[in-house]
Amino acid sequence: MVITEVRIKLCEENSERLLAFCSVTFDNAFVVRDLKIIEGAKGLFVAMPSRKLADRCPKCGGKNHLRARYCNNCGTRLDENRAVRLGDGRVRLHADIAHPIHAAAREQIHNAIIKAYYEEKEKAQQPGYVCTYDLDDYDYEDTPVTYTSVAAEVARSVQPHPAHSPVKGTHFTPSSPSARPSAPCDEENAPSRNSASSLTPSATRGNTCGT
């Protein structure tokens, strides 16, 4: 395992114990972000990227952070002492997302990060200093995928809809009264000319037969 790059982002001076964020690249192929450099009682130490631990509400099953006093879902009061305590009595509230699995790897990463931290502090004193932590990591020979680039590509690929052909067959124009289809005429049930006068106006409108 070779550490090929370490990037440091210094924190403001009023950040108490948190001194910097950092990212570590291994073998020019894999990067781990959001490591933290923290000032402890025995000096600087490196905290691995982590996530907050959660448990489930005994009533509704909703997930809650271990520091939560009430369930975020149903409002049930939770036991404030439910978190697991470590051997030194501290409450375990976070779990590492990525971390070394033996002491030699941890020491290698720690030493590389602390060295880069002090070098970054010296660079920060120089005029024109630019932090490299937030610079993009993608290969500049390839264009990064963004919403704007995807939308532009879709717009280029969409073809205009062709114009409709002239109306043919049974199609008709609603605005043209003469084109509207007439109701079917039943010769047997159609009223004769002599009896047409006996029908009501509504009946004559509902069933007429052309002569």
N, C-alpha and C. Protein backbone atom coordinates (compact mmCIF):
# COMPACT_ATOMS: atom_id res chain seq x y z
N MET A 1 0.85 -1.19 0.00
CA MET A 1 0.00 0.00 0.00
C MET A 1 0.88 1.24 0.00
N VAL A 2 0.67 2.10 -0.99
CA VAL A 2 1.46 3.32 -1.11
C VAL A 2 0.52 4.52 -1.03
N ILE A 3 0.82 5.45 -0.14
CA ILE A 3 0.05 6.69 -0.04
C ILE A 3 0.62 7.67 -1.06
N THR A 4 -0.15 7.96 -2.10
CA THR A 4 0.36 8.78 -3.19
C THR A 4 -0.01 10.25 -3.05
N GLU A 5 -1.01 10.58 -2.24
CA GLU A 5 -1.38 11.98 -2.07
C GLU A 5 -2.16 12.16 -0.78
N VAL A 6 -1.90 13.28 -0.10
CA VAL A 6 -2.66 13.68 1.08
C VAL A 6 -3.06 15.14 0.87
N ARG A 7 -4.34 15.42 0.98
CA ARG A 7 -4.84 16.79 0.87
C ARG A 7 -5.39 17.24 2.22
N ILE A 8 -5.09 18.47 2.56
CA ILE A 8 -5.46 19.02 3.87
C ILE A 8 -6.34 20.25 3.69
N LYS A 9 -7.38 20.35 4.50
CA LYS A 9 -8.21 21.54 4.56
C LYS A 9 -8.20 22.06 5.99
N LEU A 10 -7.49 23.14 6.20
CA LEU A 10 -7.36 23.70 7.55
C LEU A 10 -8.68 24.31 8.01
N CYS A 11 -8.98 24.13 9.28
CA CYS A 11 -10.18 24.72 9.86
C CYS A 11 -9.87 26.08 10.47
N GLU A 12 -10.91 26.84 10.75
CA GLU A 12 -10.73 28.14 11.37
C GLU A 12 -10.10 27.97 12.75
N GLU A 13 -9.45 29.01 13.21
CA GLU A 13 -8.73 28.93 14.49
C GLU A 13 -9.67 28.77 15.68
N ASN A 14 -10.94 29.13 15.51
CA ASN A 14 -11.89 29.02 16.61
C ASN A 14 -12.60 27.67 16.64
N SER A 15 -12.03 26.66 15.95
CA SER A 15 -12.67 25.36 15.87
C SER A 15 -12.31 24.45 17.03
N GLU A 16 -11.80 25.01 18.11
CA GLU A 16 -11.45 24.26 19.32
C GLU A 16 -10.53 23.09 18.98
N ARG A 17 -11.02 21.83 19.08
CA ARG A 17 -10.14 20.68 18.92
C ARG A 17 -9.98 20.24 17.47
N LEU A 18 -10.96 20.51 16.62
CA LEU A 18 -10.86 20.09 15.22
C LEU A 18 -9.93 21.04 14.47
N LEU A 19 -8.84 20.50 13.96
CA LEU A 19 -7.82 21.32 13.30
C LEU A 19 -7.92 21.31 11.78
N ALA A 20 -8.30 20.17 11.21
CA ALA A 20 -8.31 20.08 9.75
C ALA A 20 -9.07 18.84 9.30
N PHE A 21 -9.52 18.91 8.05
CA PHE A 21 -10.03 17.73 7.34
C PHE A 21 -8.96 17.29 6.35
N CYS A 22 -9.00 16.04 5.98
CA CYS A 22 -8.00 15.57 5.01
C CYS A 22 -8.56 14.40 4.20
N SER A 23 -7.94 14.18 3.04
CA SER A 23 -8.24 13.04 2.20
C SER A 23 -6.94 12.34 1.85
N VAL A 24 -6.99 11.04 1.71
CA VAL A 24 -5.80 10.24 1.44
C VAL A 24 -6.04 9.40 0.19
N THR A 25 -5.10 9.45 -0.74
CA THR A 25 -5.18 8.66 -1.96
C THR A 25 -4.17 7.53 -1.90
N PHE A 26 -4.63 6.33 -2.22
CA PHE A 26 -3.78 5.14 -2.20
C PHE A 26 -3.52 4.65 -3.62
N ASP A 27 -2.25 4.47 -3.95
CA ASP A 27 -1.84 3.89 -5.23
C ASP A 27 -2.43 4.61 -6.44
N ASN A 28 -2.67 5.92 -6.30
CA ASN A 28 -3.24 6.72 -7.39
C ASN A 28 -4.54 6.11 -7.92
N ALA A 29 -5.25 5.36 -7.07
CA ALA A 29 -6.44 4.66 -7.54
C ALA A 29 -7.63 4.74 -6.60
N PHE A 30 -7.39 4.99 -5.31
CA PHE A 30 -8.50 4.94 -4.34
C PHE A 30 -8.31 6.06 -3.33
N VAL A 31 -9.38 6.84 -3.10
CA VAL A 31 -9.31 7.98 -2.20
C VAL A 31 -10.30 7.80 -1.06
N VAL A 32 -9.88 8.18 0.13
CA VAL A 32 -10.73 8.18 1.32
C VAL A 32 -10.80 9.61 1.82
N ARG A 33 -12.02 10.13 1.95
CA ARG A 33 -12.22 11.52 2.36
C ARG A 33 -12.73 11.62 3.80
N ASP A 34 -12.76 12.86 4.25
CA ASP A 34 -13.36 13.23 5.54
C ASP A 34 -12.66 12.61 6.74
N LEU A 35 -11.38 12.39 6.65
CA LEU A 35 -10.61 12.11 7.85
C LEU A 35 -10.44 13.42 8.60
N LYS A 36 -10.29 13.37 9.90
CA LYS A 36 -10.18 14.58 10.72
C LYS A 36 -8.91 14.54 11.54
N ILE A 37 -8.28 15.71 11.63
CA ILE A 37 -7.12 15.87 12.51
C ILE A 37 -7.61 16.60 13.75
N ILE A 38 -7.49 15.97 14.89
CA ILE A 38 -8.05 16.48 16.14
C ILE A 38 -6.93 16.62 17.17
N GLU A 39 -7.01 17.69 17.92
CA GLU A 39 -6.04 17.92 18.99
C GLU A 39 -6.56 17.28 20.28
N GLY A 40 -5.87 16.23 20.70
CA GLY A 40 -6.28 15.51 21.91
C GLY A 40 -5.41 15.86 23.09
N ALA A 41 -5.67 15.19 24.20
CA ALA A 41 -4.91 15.45 25.43
C ALA A 41 -3.45 15.00 25.29
N LYS A 42 -3.19 14.02 24.44
CA LYS A 42 -1.83 13.51 24.26
C LYS A 42 -1.23 13.91 22.93
N GLY A 43 -1.78 14.92 22.26
CA GLY A 43 -1.25 15.38 20.98
C GLY A 43 -2.26 15.20 19.87
N LEU A 44 -1.79 15.32 18.65
CA LEU A 44 -2.67 15.21 17.49
C LEU A 44 -2.98 13.74 17.19
N PHE A 45 -4.20 13.50 16.78
CA PHE A 45 -4.55 12.17 16.30
C PHE A 45 -5.49 12.29 15.12
N VAL A 46 -5.55 11.23 14.33
CA VAL A 46 -6.34 11.20 13.11
C VAL A 46 -7.59 10.35 13.34
N ALA A 47 -8.75 10.95 13.13
CA ALA A 47 -10.02 10.24 13.25
C ALA A 47 -10.48 9.81 11.87
N MET A 48 -10.85 8.56 11.74
CA MET A 48 -11.30 8.02 10.47
C MET A 48 -12.72 8.51 10.14
N PRO A 49 -13.10 8.51 8.86
CA PRO A 49 -14.48 8.89 8.51
C PRO A 49 -15.46 7.95 9.19
N SER A 50 -16.53 8.50 9.72
CA SER A 50 -17.45 7.69 10.53
C SER A 50 -18.89 8.11 10.28
N ARG A 51 -19.80 7.32 10.79
CA ARG A 51 -21.23 7.60 10.74
C ARG A 51 -21.79 7.51 12.15
N LYS A 52 -22.89 8.20 12.36
CA LYS A 52 -23.54 8.16 13.67
C LYS A 52 -24.26 6.83 13.85
N LEU A 53 -24.12 6.27 15.04
CA LEU A 53 -24.83 5.03 15.35
C LEU A 53 -26.27 5.34 15.72
N ALA A 54 -27.16 4.44 15.40
CA ALA A 54 -28.58 4.61 15.69
C ALA A 54 -29.16 3.30 16.19
N ASP A 55 -30.29 3.39 16.85
CA ASP A 55 -31.04 2.21 17.25
C ASP A 55 -32.50 2.43 16.87
N ARG A 56 -33.34 1.45 17.18
CA ARG A 56 -34.74 1.53 16.79
C ARG A 56 -35.65 1.70 18.00
N CYS A 57 -36.69 2.47 17.77
CA CYS A 57 -37.67 2.72 18.82
C CYS A 57 -38.37 1.42 19.19
N PRO A 58 -38.50 1.09 20.47
CA PRO A 58 -39.17 -0.16 20.86
C PRO A 58 -40.66 -0.17 20.55
N LYS A 59 -41.25 1.00 20.30
CA LYS A 59 -42.68 1.07 20.03
C LYS A 59 -43.00 1.01 18.54
N CYS A 60 -42.37 1.89 17.74
CA CYS A 60 -42.72 1.96 16.32
C CYS A 60 -41.64 1.40 15.40
N GLY A 61 -40.43 1.16 15.91
CA GLY A 61 -39.35 0.64 15.09
C GLY A 61 -38.59 1.68 14.30
N GLY A 62 -38.88 2.98 14.51
CA GLY A 62 -38.16 4.03 13.80
C GLY A 62 -36.73 4.17 14.28
N LYS A 63 -35.84 4.60 13.37
CA LYS A 63 -34.42 4.75 13.71
C LYS A 63 -34.17 6.11 14.36
N ASN A 64 -33.34 6.11 15.39
CA ASN A 64 -33.00 7.34 16.11
C ASN A 64 -31.53 7.32 16.49
N HIS A 65 -30.91 8.50 16.50
CA HIS A 65 -29.54 8.62 16.98
C HIS A 65 -29.50 8.29 18.47
N LEU A 66 -28.37 7.75 18.90
CA LEU A 66 -28.28 7.28 20.29
C LEU A 66 -28.39 8.41 21.31
N ARG A 67 -28.19 9.64 20.88
CA ARG A 67 -28.34 10.77 21.80
C ARG A 67 -29.79 11.28 21.84
N ALA A 68 -30.65 10.76 20.97
CA ALA A 68 -32.03 11.24 20.91
C ALA A 68 -32.77 10.85 22.19
N ARG A 69 -33.52 11.80 22.74
CA ARG A 69 -34.30 11.54 23.94
C ARG A 69 -35.72 11.12 23.62
N TYR A 70 -36.19 11.46 22.43
CA TYR A 70 -37.53 11.09 21.99
C TYR A 70 -37.44 10.53 20.57
N CYS A 71 -38.35 9.62 20.25
CA CYS A 71 -38.38 9.03 18.91
C CYS A 71 -38.78 10.09 17.88
N ASN A 72 -38.03 10.15 16.79
CA ASN A 72 -38.33 11.12 15.74
C ASN A 72 -39.62 10.78 15.00
N ASN A 73 -40.07 9.54 15.12
CA ASN A 73 -41.24 9.11 14.37
C ASN A 73 -42.53 9.19 15.18
N CYS A 74 -42.52 8.62 16.40
CA CYS A 74 -43.76 8.56 17.18
C CYS A 74 -43.73 9.40 18.45
N GLY A 75 -42.56 9.95 18.82
CA GLY A 75 -42.47 10.81 19.99
C GLY A 75 -42.32 10.09 21.31
N THR A 76 -42.16 8.77 21.30
CA THR A 76 -41.99 8.01 22.54
C THR A 76 -40.68 8.40 23.22
N ARG A 77 -40.72 8.54 24.53
CA ARG A 77 -39.50 8.86 25.28
C ARG A 77 -38.57 7.65 25.28
N LEU A 78 -37.29 7.88 25.00
CA LEU A 78 -36.31 6.81 24.89
C LEU A 78 -35.37 6.81 26.09
N ASP A 79 -34.78 5.66 26.35
CA ASP A 79 -33.82 5.52 27.45
C ASP A 79 -32.54 6.26 27.09
N GLU A 80 -32.15 7.21 27.90
CA GLU A 80 -30.96 8.02 27.60
C GLU A 80 -29.67 7.25 27.84
N ASN A 81 -29.71 6.15 28.53
CA ASN A 81 -28.50 5.36 28.83
C ASN A 81 -28.45 4.07 28.01
N ARG A 82 -29.09 4.06 26.86
CA ARG A 82 -29.13 2.85 26.05
C ARG A 82 -27.88 2.64 25.22
N ALA A 83 -27.03 3.65 25.06
CA ALA A 83 -25.83 3.53 24.23
C ALA A 83 -24.79 2.64 24.91
N VAL A 84 -24.03 1.93 24.07
CA VAL A 84 -22.98 1.05 24.58
C VAL A 84 -21.80 1.88 25.06
N ARG A 85 -21.25 1.53 26.20
CA ARG A 85 -20.09 2.24 26.75
C ARG A 85 -18.82 1.42 26.54
N LEU A 86 -17.75 2.14 26.23
CA LEU A 86 -16.46 1.50 26.01
C LEU A 86 -15.80 1.16 27.34
N GLY A 87 -14.63 0.54 27.28
CA GLY A 87 -13.95 0.13 28.49
C GLY A 87 -13.57 1.27 29.41
N ASP A 88 -13.31 2.45 28.82
CA ASP A 88 -12.94 3.61 29.63
C ASP A 88 -14.16 4.41 30.08
N GLY A 89 -15.36 3.91 29.83
CA GLY A 89 -16.56 4.59 30.27
C GLY A 89 -17.17 5.54 29.25
N ARG A 90 -16.48 5.79 28.15
CA ARG A 90 -17.02 6.69 27.12
C ARG A 90 -18.15 6.00 26.34
N VAL A 91 -19.10 6.82 25.91
CA VAL A 91 -20.22 6.29 25.14
C VAL A 91 -19.82 6.17 23.68
N ARG A 92 -20.12 5.03 23.09
CA ARG A 92 -19.78 4.80 21.68
C ARG A 92 -20.94 5.30 20.82
N LEU A 93 -20.73 6.45 20.15
CA LEU A 93 -21.78 7.09 19.36
C LEU A 93 -21.53 7.03 17.86
N HIS A 94 -20.33 6.67 17.44
CA HIS A 94 -19.97 6.65 16.01
C HIS A 94 -19.27 5.34 15.67
N ALA A 95 -19.34 4.97 14.40
CA ALA A 95 -18.64 3.79 13.88
C ALA A 95 -17.87 4.19 12.63
N ASP A 96 -16.64 3.72 12.53
CA ASP A 96 -15.80 4.06 11.38
C ASP A 96 -16.37 3.46 10.10
N ILE A 97 -16.34 4.25 9.03
CA ILE A 97 -16.75 3.76 7.72
C ILE A 97 -15.59 3.05 7.03
N ALA A 98 -14.40 3.62 7.15
CA ALA A 98 -13.18 3.02 6.60
C ALA A 98 -12.08 3.20 7.64
N HIS A 99 -11.26 2.18 7.81
CA HIS A 99 -10.20 2.27 8.82
C HIS A 99 -9.15 1.19 8.55
N PRO A 100 -7.91 1.39 8.99
CA PRO A 100 -6.87 0.36 8.86
C PRO A 100 -7.18 -0.81 9.79
N ILE A 101 -6.72 -2.00 9.41
CA ILE A 101 -7.04 -3.18 10.19
C ILE A 101 -5.86 -3.68 11.03
N HIS A 102 -4.72 -3.01 10.93
CA HIS A 102 -3.60 -3.37 11.82
C HIS A 102 -2.79 -2.13 12.15
N ALA A 103 -1.99 -2.23 13.19
CA ALA A 103 -1.29 -1.07 13.75
C ALA A 103 -0.30 -0.46 12.76
N ALA A 104 0.36 -1.29 11.94
CA ALA A 104 1.35 -0.76 11.01
C ALA A 104 0.70 0.17 9.98
N ALA A 105 -0.45 -0.24 9.46
CA ALA A 105 -1.14 0.61 8.49
C ALA A 105 -1.64 1.89 9.13
N ARG A 106 -2.15 1.78 10.36
CA ARG A 106 -2.62 2.97 11.05
C ARG A 106 -1.47 3.96 11.28
N GLU A 107 -0.32 3.47 11.66
CA GLU A 107 0.82 4.35 11.89
C GLU A 107 1.30 5.00 10.60
N GLN A 108 1.28 4.24 9.51
CA GLN A 108 1.70 4.80 8.23
C GLN A 108 0.77 5.93 7.80
N ILE A 109 -0.52 5.73 7.93
CA ILE A 109 -1.49 6.76 7.55
C ILE A 109 -1.37 7.96 8.48
N HIS A 110 -1.24 7.72 9.78
CA HIS A 110 -1.14 8.81 10.76
C HIS A 110 0.07 9.69 10.47
N ASN A 111 1.22 9.07 10.25
CA ASN A 111 2.44 9.85 10.03
C ASN A 111 2.36 10.67 8.74
N ALA A 112 1.79 10.09 7.69
CA ALA A 112 1.68 10.81 6.42
C ALA A 112 0.74 12.01 6.56
N ILE A 113 -0.33 11.84 7.29
CA ILE A 113 -1.31 12.93 7.43
C ILE A 113 -0.76 14.05 8.32
N ILE A 114 -0.15 13.71 9.41
CA ILE A 114 0.39 14.74 10.31
C ILE A 114 1.50 15.52 9.62
N LYS A 115 2.33 14.83 8.85
CA LYS A 115 3.38 15.53 8.10
C LYS A 115 2.76 16.49 7.10
N ALA A 116 1.75 16.05 6.36
CA ALA A 116 1.09 16.91 5.38
C ALA A 116 0.38 18.08 6.07
N TYR A 117 -0.11 17.88 7.27
CA TYR A 117 -0.79 18.95 8.01
C TYR A 117 0.16 20.09 8.33
N TYR A 118 1.34 19.78 8.82
CA TYR A 118 2.30 20.84 9.15
C TYR A 118 2.80 21.53 7.88
N GLU A 119 2.97 20.78 6.81
CA GLU A 119 3.37 21.39 5.55
C GLU A 119 2.30 22.33 5.03
N GLU A 120 1.02 21.94 5.20
CA GLU A 120 -0.07 22.80 4.75
C GLU A 120 -0.14 24.07 5.57
N LYS A 121 0.15 24.00 6.85
CA LYS A 121 0.15 25.20 7.69
C LYS A 121 1.20 26.18 7.23
N GLU A 122 2.35 25.69 6.81
CA GLU A 122 3.39 26.57 6.31
C GLU A 122 2.98 27.20 4.98
N LYS A 123 2.34 26.42 4.10
CA LYS A 123 1.89 26.95 2.82
C LYS A 123 0.83 28.03 3.02
N ALA A 124 0.00 27.85 4.04
CA ALA A 124 -1.09 28.79 4.28
C ALA A 124 -0.58 30.17 4.67
N GLN A 125 0.65 30.27 5.13
CA GLN A 125 1.22 31.56 5.51
C GLN A 125 1.75 32.33 4.31
N GLN A 126 1.86 31.67 3.17
CA GLN A 126 2.42 32.31 1.99
C GLN A 126 1.33 33.04 1.20
N PRO A 127 1.69 34.13 0.53
CA PRO A 127 0.70 34.86 -0.28
C PRO A 127 0.23 34.02 -1.47
N GLY A 128 -1.03 34.18 -1.81
CA GLY A 128 -1.60 33.44 -2.93
C GLY A 128 -1.89 31.99 -2.63
N TYR A 129 -1.99 31.65 -1.37
CA TYR A 129 -2.24 30.26 -0.98
C TYR A 129 -3.62 29.80 -1.45
N VAL A 130 -3.69 28.60 -2.01
CA VAL A 130 -4.94 28.00 -2.47
C VAL A 130 -5.04 26.59 -1.90
N CYS A 131 -6.12 26.32 -1.21
CA CYS A 131 -6.34 24.98 -0.66
C CYS A 131 -6.71 24.02 -1.78
N THR A 132 -6.09 22.86 -1.81
CA THR A 132 -6.33 21.88 -2.88
C THR A 132 -7.32 20.81 -2.46
N TYR A 133 -7.85 20.89 -1.26
CA TYR A 133 -8.72 19.82 -0.76
C TYR A 133 -9.99 19.69 -1.59
N ASP A 134 -10.56 20.82 -1.99
CA ASP A 134 -11.85 20.80 -2.68
C ASP A 134 -11.73 20.74 -4.20
N LEU A 135 -10.52 20.63 -4.72
CA LEU A 135 -10.36 20.50 -6.16
C LEU A 135 -10.88 19.16 -6.63
N ASP A 136 -11.40 19.13 -7.85
CA ASP A 136 -11.99 17.89 -8.38
C ASP A 136 -10.92 16.84 -8.57
N ASP A 137 -11.33 15.58 -8.37
CA ASP A 137 -10.40 14.46 -8.49
C ASP A 137 -10.54 13.69 -9.80
N TYR A 138 -11.52 14.07 -10.65
CA TYR A 138 -11.73 13.29 -11.87
C TYR A 138 -10.62 13.58 -12.87
N ASP A 139 -10.49 12.69 -13.85
CA ASP A 139 -9.51 12.85 -14.91
C ASP A 139 -9.95 13.99 -15.82
N TYR A 140 -9.11 14.98 -16.00
CA TYR A 140 -9.48 16.16 -16.78
C TYR A 140 -9.57 15.86 -18.27
N GLU A 141 -9.17 14.65 -18.73
CA GLU A 141 -9.37 14.29 -20.12
C GLU A 141 -10.83 13.93 -20.38
N ASP A 142 -11.58 13.62 -19.33
CA ASP A 142 -12.99 13.27 -19.45
C ASP A 142 -13.82 14.40 -18.90
N THR A 143 -14.96 14.64 -19.54
CA THR A 143 -15.88 15.68 -19.08
C THR A 143 -16.74 15.14 -17.97
N PRO A 144 -16.81 15.79 -16.82
CA PRO A 144 -17.63 15.29 -15.73
C PRO A 144 -19.12 15.33 -16.09
N VAL A 145 -19.86 14.37 -15.59
CA VAL A 145 -21.29 14.32 -15.87
C VAL A 145 -22.02 15.26 -14.92
N THR A 146 -22.73 16.23 -15.49
CA THR A 146 -23.51 17.17 -14.70
C THR A 146 -24.91 17.23 -15.28
N TYR A 147 -25.82 17.82 -14.52
CA TYR A 147 -27.20 17.96 -15.00
C TYR A 147 -27.25 18.79 -16.27
N THR A 148 -26.46 19.86 -16.32
CA THR A 148 -26.47 20.73 -17.49
C THR A 148 -26.00 20.00 -18.73
N SER A 149 -24.92 19.20 -18.60
CA SER A 149 -24.41 18.48 -19.76
C SER A 149 -25.39 17.41 -20.23
N VAL A 150 -26.06 16.75 -19.29
CA VAL A 150 -27.05 15.73 -19.66
C VAL A 150 -28.24 16.36 -20.37
N ALA A 151 -28.72 17.50 -19.83
CA ALA A 151 -29.86 18.18 -20.45
C ALA A 151 -29.52 18.65 -21.85
N ALA A 152 -28.31 19.16 -22.05
CA ALA A 152 -27.90 19.61 -23.39
C ALA A 152 -27.82 18.44 -24.36
N GLU A 153 -27.34 17.29 -23.89
CA GLU A 153 -27.25 16.13 -24.75
C GLU A 153 -28.63 15.63 -25.14
N VAL A 154 -29.57 15.65 -24.20
CA VAL A 154 -30.93 15.23 -24.51
C VAL A 154 -31.56 16.17 -25.53
N ALA A 155 -31.33 17.48 -25.36
CA ALA A 155 -31.90 18.47 -26.29
C ALA A 155 -31.37 18.26 -27.71
N ARG A 156 -30.10 17.88 -27.82
CA ARG A 156 -29.53 17.66 -29.16
C ARG A 156 -30.08 16.40 -29.81
N SER A 157 -30.45 15.41 -28.99
CA SER A 157 -30.90 14.13 -29.54
C SER A 157 -32.38 14.11 -29.88
N VAL A 158 -33.16 15.06 -29.37
CA VAL A 158 -34.60 15.07 -29.63
C VAL A 158 -34.86 15.65 -31.02
N GLN A 159 -35.61 14.91 -31.84
CA GLN A 159 -35.94 15.35 -33.19
C GLN A 159 -37.32 16.03 -33.19
N PRO A 160 -37.51 17.09 -34.00
CA PRO A 160 -38.82 17.74 -34.05
C PRO A 160 -39.89 16.80 -34.59
N HIS A 161 -41.10 16.90 -34.07
CA HIS A 161 -42.20 16.05 -34.49
C HIS A 161 -42.66 16.47 -35.88
N PRO A 162 -42.80 15.52 -36.83
CA PRO A 162 -43.21 15.90 -38.20
C PRO A 162 -44.65 16.38 -38.21
N ALA A 163 -44.98 17.18 -39.24
CA ALA A 163 -46.34 17.70 -39.37
C ALA A 163 -47.30 16.58 -39.71
N HIS A 164 -48.54 16.72 -39.24
CA HIS A 164 -49.55 15.70 -39.52
C HIS A 164 -49.97 15.75 -40.99
N SER A 165 -50.33 14.60 -41.55
CA SER A 165 -50.81 14.53 -42.93
C SER A 165 -52.25 15.03 -43.00
N PRO A 166 -52.73 15.40 -44.19
CA PRO A 166 -54.12 15.88 -44.33
C PRO A 166 -55.11 14.85 -43.83
N VAL A 167 -56.25 15.35 -43.36
CA VAL A 167 -57.28 14.47 -42.82
C VAL A 167 -57.85 13.61 -43.92
N LYS A 168 -57.95 12.30 -43.67
CA LYS A 168 -58.48 11.37 -44.65
C LYS A 168 -59.51 10.45 -43.98
N GLY A 169 -60.26 9.72 -44.83
CA GLY A 169 -61.15 8.71 -44.32
C GLY A 169 -62.27 9.29 -43.48
N THR A 170 -62.47 8.70 -42.30
CA THR A 170 -63.59 9.08 -41.44
C THR A 170 -63.29 10.27 -40.56
N HIS A 171 -62.06 10.83 -40.65
CA HIS A 171 -61.74 11.99 -39.86
C HIS A 171 -62.59 13.18 -40.31
N PHE A 172 -62.93 14.03 -39.42
CA PHE A 172 -63.70 15.21 -39.75
C PHE A 172 -63.24 16.37 -38.91
N THR A 173 -63.55 17.54 -39.37
CA THR A 173 -63.20 18.76 -38.64
C THR A 173 -64.38 19.17 -37.78
N PRO A 174 -64.23 19.21 -36.45
CA PRO A 174 -65.36 19.51 -35.58
C PRO A 174 -66.03 20.83 -35.91
N SER A 175 -65.29 21.79 -36.45
CA SER A 175 -65.85 23.10 -36.73
C SER A 175 -66.74 23.11 -37.97
N SER A 176 -66.74 22.04 -38.73
CA SER A 176 -67.52 21.99 -39.97
C SER A 176 -68.80 21.21 -39.73
N PRO A 177 -69.96 21.84 -39.67
CA PRO A 177 -71.21 21.12 -39.39
C PRO A 177 -71.52 20.06 -40.42
N SER A 178 -71.16 20.32 -41.69
CA SER A 178 -71.50 19.37 -42.74
C SER A 178 -70.69 18.10 -42.65
N ALA A 179 -69.56 18.16 -41.92
CA ALA A 179 -68.70 16.99 -41.84
C ALA A 179 -69.06 16.08 -40.69
N ARG A 180 -69.96 16.50 -39.83
CA ARG A 180 -70.31 15.68 -38.67
C ARG A 180 -71.12 14.48 -39.11
N PRO A 181 -70.83 13.29 -38.60
CA PRO A 181 -71.57 12.09 -39.03
C PRO A 181 -72.97 12.12 -38.47
N SER A 182 -73.92 11.66 -39.27
CA SER A 182 -75.31 11.60 -38.83
C SER A 182 -75.57 10.31 -38.10
N ALA A 183 -76.62 10.28 -37.30
CA ALA A 183 -76.97 9.08 -36.55
C ALA A 183 -77.47 8.02 -37.51
N PRO A 184 -77.20 6.74 -37.23
CA PRO A 184 -77.66 5.68 -38.13
C PRO A 184 -79.17 5.63 -38.19
N CYS A 185 -79.68 5.29 -39.34
CA CYS A 185 -81.12 5.29 -39.55
C CYS A 185 -81.63 3.86 -39.71
N ASP A 186 -82.61 3.52 -38.92
CA ASP A 186 -83.23 2.20 -39.00
C ASP A 186 -84.48 2.33 -39.85
N GLU A 187 -84.49 1.71 -41.05
CA GLU A 187 -85.60 1.87 -41.98
C GLU A 187 -86.90 1.36 -41.40
N GLU A 188 -86.81 0.24 -40.61
CA GLU A 188 -88.04 -0.35 -40.09
C GLU A 188 -88.66 0.52 -39.00
N ASN A 189 -87.78 1.08 -38.11
CA ASN A 189 -88.28 1.85 -36.98
C ASN A 189 -88.39 3.33 -37.27
N ALA A 190 -87.96 3.76 -38.45
CA ALA A 190 -88.02 5.19 -38.76
C ALA A 190 -89.45 5.63 -38.93
N PRO A 191 -89.83 6.77 -38.40
CA PRO A 191 -91.22 7.24 -38.54
C PRO A 191 -91.50 7.63 -39.98
N SER A 192 -92.71 7.37 -40.38
CA SER A 192 -93.11 7.76 -41.74
C SER A 192 -93.33 9.25 -41.81
N ARG A 193 -93.46 9.75 -43.05
CA ARG A 193 -93.67 11.19 -43.22
C ARG A 193 -95.02 11.62 -42.67
N ASN A 194 -95.98 10.71 -42.74
CA ASN A 194 -97.31 11.06 -42.26
C ASN A 194 -97.36 11.13 -40.74
N SER A 195 -96.53 10.28 -40.06
CA SER A 195 -96.58 10.26 -38.60
C SER A 195 -95.54 11.16 -37.96
N ALA A 196 -94.72 11.82 -38.76
CA ALA A 196 -93.64 12.64 -38.20
C ALA A 196 -94.20 13.78 -37.41
N SER A 197 -95.41 14.28 -37.81
CA SER A 197 -95.96 15.43 -37.11
C SER A 197 -96.45 15.08 -35.73
N SER A 198 -96.69 13.76 -35.50
CA SER A 198 -97.19 13.36 -34.18
C SER A 198 -96.09 13.23 -33.15
N LEU A 199 -94.82 13.24 -33.59
CA LEU A 199 -93.71 13.09 -32.65
C LEU A 199 -93.39 14.42 -32.01
N THR A 200 -92.82 14.32 -30.82
CA THR A 200 -92.40 15.53 -30.12
C THR A 200 -91.16 16.08 -30.79
N PRO A 201 -90.89 17.38 -30.59
CA PRO A 201 -89.67 17.96 -31.21
C PRO A 201 -88.41 17.25 -30.80
N SER A 202 -88.35 16.81 -29.52
CA SER A 202 -87.14 16.13 -29.08
C SER A 202 -86.97 14.80 -29.76
N ALA A 203 -88.11 14.12 -30.05
CA ALA A 203 -88.03 12.83 -30.70
C ALA A 203 -87.57 12.96 -32.13
N THR A 204 -88.07 14.01 -32.82
CA THR A 204 -87.68 14.19 -34.21
C THR A 204 -86.23 14.57 -34.34
N ARG A 205 -85.71 15.23 -33.34
CA ARG A 205 -84.28 15.58 -33.40
C ARG A 205 -83.42 14.38 -33.11
N GLY A 206 -83.91 13.46 -32.28
CA GLY A 206 -83.08 12.34 -31.87
C GLY A 206 -82.94 11.28 -32.92
N ASN A 207 -83.95 11.11 -33.83
CA ASN A 207 -83.86 10.03 -34.81
C ASN A 207 -84.46 10.52 -36.11
N THR A 208 -83.65 10.98 -37.04
CA THR A 208 -84.10 11.49 -38.34
C THR A 208 -83.45 10.68 -39.42
N CYS A 209 -84.11 10.62 -40.52
CA CYS A 209 -83.61 9.83 -41.67
C CYS A 209 -83.65 10.70 -42.92
N GLY A 210 -82.56 10.75 -43.62
CA GLY A 210 -82.53 11.54 -44.84
C GLY A 210 -83.39 10.93 -45.91
N THR A 211 -83.97 11.76 -46.73
CA THR A 211 -84.86 11.27 -47.77
C THR A 211 -84.20 11.44 -49.11
